[in-house]
Amino acid sequence: MSRNARRWAGRAGGLACALAALVPLAGCPSKQNPVLSNERFADERHDPQLIMDSAQRATVVAAMQSTVAGGAAPQPLTRAEDGMRWSDVPLAASIAAEKAEMGVLSSSESESKDTWTFSMVTLDSVPVSLVVVRRPPPDMFLATATVGAYGERKAEAERLVRHFRMTVKDLGRKRETPDPPAPARSQASPAAQPAPGAQAN
């Protein structure tokens, strides 16, 4: 066989190999989108996502609505009715402590749900106590603070209470879910009632 003949035979063989490699690619059918067909293929580990029709969507929505207690609609987000929310007290105390350069060590709420007590500390390790008592409107709360073992650092106590008052009012302006009704409290005599507003001891 001449040199030209061998050259053309080699080219023809290469072309045949290339065409043979392309045939399987052209012959493989593309898979249908499993999300659109809701079909699960044998080599897949998870079920395809189901696209619901209007009737199926209505069934799901009705099931979710049935989980609401008594079938009542959720309450809309509103500002605090009386300027503050009792549920904001822990967050307000934490923010106020940071502004007053103090740290919150612990906090606790009374069993009657009408008093919060916060144990704090200053940067120089002086003990701090912040007590917030729930009051009826319009006062809403009474905050008192003590800084030092004997309450001798009154200026810092007043600053902490002032930051707390400002913060709890700022939080009350934000739209959130309303607080539940306040628990019933026993009526004290007028002489036993503290003066309204925040105080620092």
C-alpha atoms as a PDB file:
ATOM      1  CA  MET A   1       0.000   0.000   0.000  1.00  0.00           C
ATOM      2  CA  SER A   2       1.298   3.392  -0.968  1.00  0.00           C
ATOM      3  CA  ARG A   3       2.064   6.122   1.563  1.00  0.00           C
ATOM      4  CA  ASN A   4      -1.005   8.222   0.494  1.00  0.00           C
ATOM      5  CA  ALA A   5      -3.280   5.230   0.755  1.00  0.00           C
ATOM      6  CA  ARG A   6      -2.100   4.456   4.278  1.00  0.00           C
ATOM      7  CA  ARG A   7      -2.603   8.146   5.229  1.00  0.00           C
ATOM      8  CA  TRP A   8      -6.204   8.207   4.023  1.00  0.00           C
ATOM      9  CA  ALA A   9      -6.927   4.869   5.686  1.00  0.00           C
ATOM     10  CA  GLY A  10      -5.689   6.249   8.997  1.00  0.00           C
ATOM     11  CA  ARG A  11      -7.841   9.364   8.686  1.00  0.00           C
ATOM     12  CA  ALA A  12     -10.895   7.274   7.827  1.00  0.00           C
ATOM     13  CA  GLY A  13     -10.301   5.077  10.848  1.00  0.00           C
ATOM     14  CA  GLY A  14     -10.017   8.106  13.152  1.00  0.00           C
ATOM     15  CA  LEU A  15     -13.219   9.581  11.769  1.00  0.00           C
ATOM     16  CA  ALA A  16     -15.036   6.303  12.316  1.00  0.00           C
ATOM     17  CA  CYS A  17     -13.893   6.195  15.949  1.00  0.00           C
ATOM     18  CA  ALA A  18     -15.062   9.778  16.517  1.00  0.00           C
ATOM     19  CA  LEU A  19     -18.474   9.017  15.042  1.00  0.00           C
ATOM     20  CA  ALA A  20     -18.764   5.894  17.166  1.00  0.00           C
ATOM     21  CA  ALA A  21     -18.073   7.955  20.294  1.00  0.00           C
ATOM     22  CA  LEU A  22     -20.783  10.469  19.378  1.00  0.00           C
ATOM     23  CA  VAL A  23     -23.488   7.892  18.708  1.00  0.00           C
ATOM     24  CA  PRO A  24     -24.180   6.998  22.400  1.00  0.00           C
ATOM     25  CA  LEU A  25     -24.379  10.682  23.313  1.00  0.00           C
ATOM     26  CA  ALA A  26     -26.902  11.392  20.593  1.00  0.00           C
ATOM     27  CA  GLY A  27     -28.890   8.319  21.428  1.00  0.00           C
ATOM     28  CA  CYS A  28     -29.296   8.978  25.215  1.00  0.00           C
ATOM     29  CA  PRO A  29     -32.725  10.460  25.906  1.00  0.00           C
ATOM     30  CA  SER A  30     -32.779  13.386  28.378  1.00  0.00           C
ATOM     31  CA  LYS A  31     -34.498  12.776  31.716  1.00  0.00           C
ATOM     32  CA  GLN A  32     -37.732  14.587  32.331  1.00  0.00           C
ATOM     33  CA  ASN A  33     -37.712  17.077  35.196  1.00  0.00           C
ATOM     34  CA  PRO A  34     -38.753  14.939  38.227  1.00  0.00           C
ATOM     35  CA  VAL A  35     -40.340  17.985  39.891  1.00  0.00           C
ATOM     36  CA  LEU A  36     -42.700  18.465  36.961  1.00  0.00           C
ATOM     37  CA  SER A  37     -43.495  14.783  36.535  1.00  0.00           C
ATOM     38  CA  ASN A  38     -43.534  13.837  40.253  1.00  0.00           C
ATOM     39  CA  GLU A  39     -41.613  10.756  39.127  1.00  0.00           C
ATOM     40  CA  ARG A  40     -38.954   9.059  41.214  1.00  0.00           C
ATOM     41  CA  PHE A  41     -36.096   7.457  39.285  1.00  0.00           C
ATOM     42  CA  ALA A  42     -34.486   4.229  40.448  1.00  0.00           C
ATOM     43  CA  ASP A  43     -31.088   5.792  41.137  1.00  0.00           C
ATOM     44  CA  GLU A  44     -32.441   8.659  43.269  1.00  0.00           C
ATOM     45  CA  ARG A  45     -32.412   8.530  47.067  1.00  0.00           C
ATOM     46  CA  HIS A  46     -35.016  11.208  47.773  1.00  0.00           C
ATOM     47  CA  ASP A  47     -38.550  11.746  46.599  1.00  0.00           C
ATOM     48  CA  PRO A  48     -39.048  14.596  44.128  1.00  0.00           C
ATOM     49  CA  GLN A  49     -40.734  17.747  45.314  1.00  0.00           C
ATOM     50  CA  LEU A  50     -44.457  17.638  44.811  1.00  0.00           C
ATOM     51  CA  ILE A  51     -46.072  20.483  42.895  1.00  0.00           C
ATOM     52  CA  MET A  52     -49.538  20.858  44.418  1.00  0.00           C
ATOM     53  CA  ASP A  53     -52.637  21.867  42.569  1.00  0.00           C
ATOM     54  CA  SER A  54     -55.139  24.357  44.013  1.00  0.00           C
ATOM     55  CA  ALA A  55     -57.135  21.677  45.849  1.00  0.00           C
ATOM     56  CA  GLN A  56     -54.026  20.250  47.504  1.00  0.00           C
ATOM     57  CA  ARG A  57     -52.830  23.706  48.532  1.00  0.00           C
ATOM     58  CA  ALA A  58     -56.215  24.436  50.099  1.00  0.00           C
ATOM     59  CA  THR A  59     -55.990  21.199  52.103  1.00  0.00           C
ATOM     60  CA  VAL A  60     -52.537  22.092  53.428  1.00  0.00           C
ATOM     61  CA  VAL A  61     -53.575  25.646  54.353  1.00  0.00           C
ATOM     62  CA  ALA A  62     -56.648  24.357  56.170  1.00  0.00           C
ATOM     63  CA  ALA A  63     -54.493  21.893  58.122  1.00  0.00           C
ATOM     64  CA  MET A  64     -52.110  24.662  59.217  1.00  0.00           C
ATOM     65  CA  GLN A  65     -54.980  26.929  60.232  1.00  0.00           C
ATOM     66  CA  SER A  66     -56.495  24.134  62.324  1.00  0.00           C
ATOM     67  CA  THR A  67     -53.397  24.102  64.555  1.00  0.00           C
ATOM     68  CA  VAL A  68     -54.221  27.573  65.922  1.00  0.00           C
ATOM     69  CA  ALA A  69     -55.893  27.201  69.306  1.00  0.00           C
ATOM     70  CA  GLY A  70     -59.632  27.569  68.964  1.00  0.00           C
ATOM     71  CA  GLY A  71     -59.252  28.427  65.310  1.00  0.00           C
ATOM     72  CA  ALA A  72     -58.514  32.040  66.253  1.00  0.00           C
ATOM     73  CA  ALA A  73     -56.454  34.186  63.912  1.00  0.00           C
ATOM     74  CA  PRO A  74     -52.966  35.206  65.153  1.00  0.00           C
ATOM     75  CA  GLN A  75     -52.757  38.577  66.876  1.00  0.00           C
ATOM     76  CA  PRO A  76     -51.331  41.433  64.806  1.00  0.00           C
ATOM     77  CA  LEU A  77     -48.076  43.102  65.803  1.00  0.00           C
ATOM     78  CA  THR A  78     -48.710  46.317  67.719  1.00  0.00           C
ATOM     79  CA  ARG A  79     -46.904  48.879  69.838  1.00  0.00           C
ATOM     80  CA  ALA A  80     -47.124  48.475  73.604  1.00  0.00           C
ATOM     81  CA  GLU A  81     -50.533  49.694  74.725  1.00  0.00           C
ATOM     82  CA  ASP A  82     -49.238  51.415  77.872  1.00  0.00           C
ATOM     83  CA  GLY A  83     -45.762  52.294  76.678  1.00  0.00           C
ATOM     84  CA  MET A  84     -43.959  49.108  77.748  1.00  0.00           C
ATOM     85  CA  ARG A  85     -44.193  45.319  77.642  1.00  0.00           C
ATOM     86  CA  TRP A  86     -43.421  43.221  80.669  1.00  0.00           C
ATOM     87  CA  SER A  87     -41.847  40.658  78.343  1.00  0.00           C
ATOM     88  CA  ASP A  88     -39.249  43.302  77.345  1.00  0.00           C
ATOM     89  CA  VAL A  89     -37.899  43.669  80.892  1.00  0.00           C
ATOM     90  CA  PRO A  90     -35.010  41.125  80.620  1.00  0.00           C
ATOM     91  CA  LEU A  91     -33.793  42.572  77.323  1.00  0.00           C
ATOM     92  CA  ALA A  92     -34.126  46.136  78.607  1.00  0.00           C
ATOM     93  CA  ALA A  93     -32.110  45.249  81.717  1.00  0.00           C
ATOM     94  CA  SER A  94     -29.355  43.695  79.597  1.00  0.00           C
ATOM     95  CA  ILE A  95     -29.148  46.748  77.311  1.00  0.00           C
ATOM     96  CA  ALA A  96     -29.248  49.156  80.257  1.00  0.00           C
ATOM     97  CA  ALA A  97     -26.432  47.267  82.004  1.00  0.00           C
ATOM     98  CA  GLU A  98     -24.266  47.508  78.885  1.00  0.00           C
ATOM     99  CA  LYS A  99     -24.901  51.250  78.605  1.00  0.00           C
ATOM    100  CA  ALA A 100     -24.035  51.682  82.294  1.00  0.00           C
ATOM    101  CA  GLU A 101     -20.829  49.626  81.802  1.00  0.00           C
ATOM    102  CA  MET A 102     -22.057  46.712  83.883  1.00  0.00           C
ATOM    103  CA  GLY A 103     -22.572  43.016  83.266  1.00  0.00           C
ATOM    104  CA  VAL A 104     -25.593  40.843  84.085  1.00  0.00           C
ATOM    105  CA  LEU A 105     -24.630  37.793  86.153  1.00  0.00           C
ATOM    106  CA  SER A 106     -28.077  36.290  86.708  1.00  0.00           C
ATOM    107  CA  SER A 107     -31.782  37.076  86.555  1.00  0.00           C
ATOM    108  CA  SER A 108     -34.927  35.596  88.023  1.00  0.00           C
ATOM    109  CA  GLU A 109     -38.665  36.238  87.903  1.00  0.00           C
ATOM    110  CA  SER A 110     -40.908  35.704  90.912  1.00  0.00           C
ATOM    111  CA  GLU A 111     -43.528  32.947  90.940  1.00  0.00           C
ATOM    112  CA  SER A 112     -46.211  35.626  90.826  1.00  0.00           C
ATOM    113  CA  LYS A 113     -44.694  36.924  87.560  1.00  0.00           C
ATOM    114  CA  ASP A 114     -44.667  40.497  88.855  1.00  0.00           C
ATOM    115  CA  THR A 115     -41.024  41.010  89.902  1.00  0.00           C
ATOM    116  CA  TRP A 116     -37.722  40.667  88.067  1.00  0.00           C
ATOM    117  CA  THR A 117     -34.435  40.639  89.998  1.00  0.00           C
ATOM    118  CA  PHE A 118     -31.107  41.104  88.208  1.00  0.00           C
ATOM    119  CA  SER A 119     -27.696  40.512  89.757  1.00  0.00           C
ATOM    120  CA  MET A 120     -24.990  42.566  88.027  1.00  0.00           C
ATOM    121  CA  VAL A 121     -21.414  43.687  88.500  1.00  0.00           C
ATOM    122  CA  THR A 122     -19.478  46.834  87.580  1.00  0.00           C
ATOM    123  CA  LEU A 123     -16.179  46.906  85.690  1.00  0.00           C
ATOM    124  CA  ASP A 124     -14.340  47.073  89.025  1.00  0.00           C
ATOM    125  CA  SER A 125     -16.253  44.035  90.395  1.00  0.00           C
ATOM    126  CA  VAL A 126     -18.682  45.962  92.600  1.00  0.00           C
ATOM    127  CA  PRO A 127     -22.014  44.101  93.097  1.00  0.00           C
ATOM    128  CA  VAL A 128     -25.159  45.614  91.571  1.00  0.00           C
ATOM    129  CA  SER A 129     -28.820  44.741  92.060  1.00  0.00           C
ATOM    130  CA  LEU A 130     -31.674  45.857  89.813  1.00  0.00           C
ATOM    131  CA  VAL A 131     -35.240  45.052  90.849  1.00  0.00           C
ATOM    132  CA  VAL A 132     -38.220  45.723  88.567  1.00  0.00           C
ATOM    133  CA  VAL A 133     -41.721  45.396  90.029  1.00  0.00           C
ATOM    134  CA  ARG A 134     -44.827  45.283  87.868  1.00  0.00           C
ATOM    135  CA  ARG A 135     -47.319  48.066  88.512  1.00  0.00           C
ATOM    136  CA  PRO A 136     -50.776  48.787  87.098  1.00  0.00           C
ATOM    137  CA  PRO A 137     -51.175  51.512  84.439  1.00  0.00           C
ATOM    138  CA  PRO A 138     -50.164  54.221  84.027  1.00  0.00           C
ATOM    139  CA  ASP A 139     -46.969  53.555  86.040  1.00  0.00           C
ATOM    140  CA  MET A 140     -46.453  50.018  84.601  1.00  0.00           C
ATOM    141  CA  PHE A 141     -43.313  49.334  86.658  1.00  0.00           C
ATOM    142  CA  LEU A 142     -41.125  50.432  89.536  1.00  0.00           C
ATOM    143  CA  ALA A 143     -37.363  50.016  89.052  1.00  0.00           C
ATOM    144  CA  THR A 144     -34.850  50.279  91.901  1.00  0.00           C
ATOM    145  CA  ALA A 145     -31.091  49.742  91.800  1.00  0.00           C
ATOM    146  CA  THR A 146     -28.341  49.345  94.367  1.00  0.00           C
ATOM    147  CA  VAL A 147     -24.629  49.643  93.545  1.00  0.00           C
ATOM    148  CA  GLY A 148     -22.111  48.661  96.203  1.00  0.00           C
ATOM    149  CA  ALA A 149     -22.393  46.425  99.254  1.00  0.00           C
ATOM    150  CA  TYR A 150     -24.127  49.231 101.147  1.00  0.00           C
ATOM    151  CA  GLY A 151     -25.681  51.113  98.226  1.00  0.00           C
ATOM    152  CA  GLU A 152     -23.078  53.833  98.500  1.00  0.00           C
ATOM    153  CA  ARG A 153     -22.629  54.421  94.747  1.00  0.00           C
ATOM    154  CA  LYS A 154     -25.916  56.196  94.178  1.00  0.00           C
ATOM    155  CA  ALA A 155     -24.940  58.024  90.981  1.00  0.00           C
ATOM    156  CA  GLU A 156     -24.257  54.756  89.175  1.00  0.00           C
ATOM    157  CA  ALA A 157     -27.517  53.287  90.476  1.00  0.00           C
ATOM    158  CA  GLU A 158     -29.461  56.268  89.166  1.00  0.00           C
ATOM    159  CA  ARG A 159     -27.729  55.982  85.790  1.00  0.00           C
ATOM    160  CA  LEU A 160     -28.639  52.294  85.528  1.00  0.00           C
ATOM    161  CA  VAL A 161     -32.308  52.979  86.322  1.00  0.00           C
ATOM    162  CA  ARG A 162     -32.383  55.858  83.850  1.00  0.00           C
ATOM    163  CA  HIS A 163     -30.991  53.656  81.072  1.00  0.00           C
ATOM    164  CA  PHE A 164     -33.504  50.953  81.939  1.00  0.00           C
ATOM    165  CA  ARG A 165     -36.455  53.328  81.771  1.00  0.00           C
ATOM    166  CA  MET A 166     -35.377  54.742  78.411  1.00  0.00           C
ATOM    167  CA  THR A 167     -34.676  51.301  76.940  1.00  0.00           C
ATOM    168  CA  VAL A 168     -37.931  49.670  78.012  1.00  0.00           C
ATOM    169  CA  LYS A 169     -39.869  52.575  76.481  1.00  0.00           C
ATOM    170  CA  ASP A 170     -37.890  52.318  73.232  1.00  0.00           C
ATOM    171  CA  LEU A 171     -38.698  48.610  73.036  1.00  0.00           C
ATOM    172  CA  GLY A 172     -42.349  49.377  73.712  1.00  0.00           C
ATOM    173  CA  ARG A 173     -42.502  51.510  70.557  1.00  0.00           C
ATOM    174  CA  LYS A 174     -41.617  48.520  68.381  1.00  0.00           C
ATOM    175  CA  ARG A 175     -44.442  46.465  66.898  1.00  0.00           C
ATOM    176  CA  GLU A 176     -44.587  43.043  68.520  1.00  0.00           C
ATOM    177  CA  THR A 177     -47.126  40.524  69.782  1.00  0.00           C
ATOM    178  CA  PRO A 178     -49.081  41.995  72.730  1.00  0.00           C
ATOM    179  CA  ASP A 179     -48.286  40.755  76.227  1.00  0.00           C
ATOM    180  CA  PRO A 180     -50.813  38.413  77.874  1.00  0.00           C
ATOM    181  CA  PRO A 181     -52.969  39.970  80.608  1.00  0.00           C
ATOM    182  CA  ALA A 182     -51.176  40.663  83.870  1.00  0.00           C
ATOM    183  CA  PRO A 183     -51.788  38.118  86.656  1.00  0.00           C
ATOM    184  CA  ALA A 184     -54.182  39.112  89.410  1.00  0.00           C
ATOM    185  CA  ARG A 185     -52.534  40.698  92.419  1.00  0.00           C
ATOM    186  CA  SER A 186     -53.740  41.196  95.970  1.00  0.00           C
ATOM    187  CA  GLN A 187     -54.710  44.774  96.777  1.00  0.00           C
ATOM    188  CA  ALA A 188     -52.366  46.481  99.249  1.00  0.00           C
ATOM    189  CA  SER A 189     -53.261  49.397 101.422  1.00  0.00           C
ATOM    190  CA  PRO A 190     -52.410  52.861 100.005  1.00  0.00           C
ATOM    191  CA  ALA A 191     -49.763  53.351 102.686  1.00  0.00           C
ATOM    192  CA  ALA A 192     -47.899  50.248 101.499  1.00  0.00           C
ATOM    193  CA  GLN A 193     -47.775  51.378  97.847  1.00  0.00           C
ATOM    194  CA  PRO A 194     -44.366  52.812  96.786  1.00  0.00           C
ATOM    195  CA  ALA A 195     -44.182  56.118  95.005  1.00  0.00           C
ATOM    196  CA  PRO A 196     -44.723  55.868  91.220  1.00  0.00           C
ATOM    197  CA  GLY A 197     -41.816  55.927  88.791  1.00  0.00           C
ATOM    198  CA  ALA A 198     -38.310  54.544  88.913  1.00  0.00           C
ATOM    199  CA  GLN A 199     -36.184  55.001  92.029  1.00  0.00           C
ATOM    200  CA  ALA A 200     -32.602  54.246  92.955  1.00  0.00           C
ATOM    201  CA  ASN A 201     -31.582  53.267  96.463  1.00  0.00           C
END
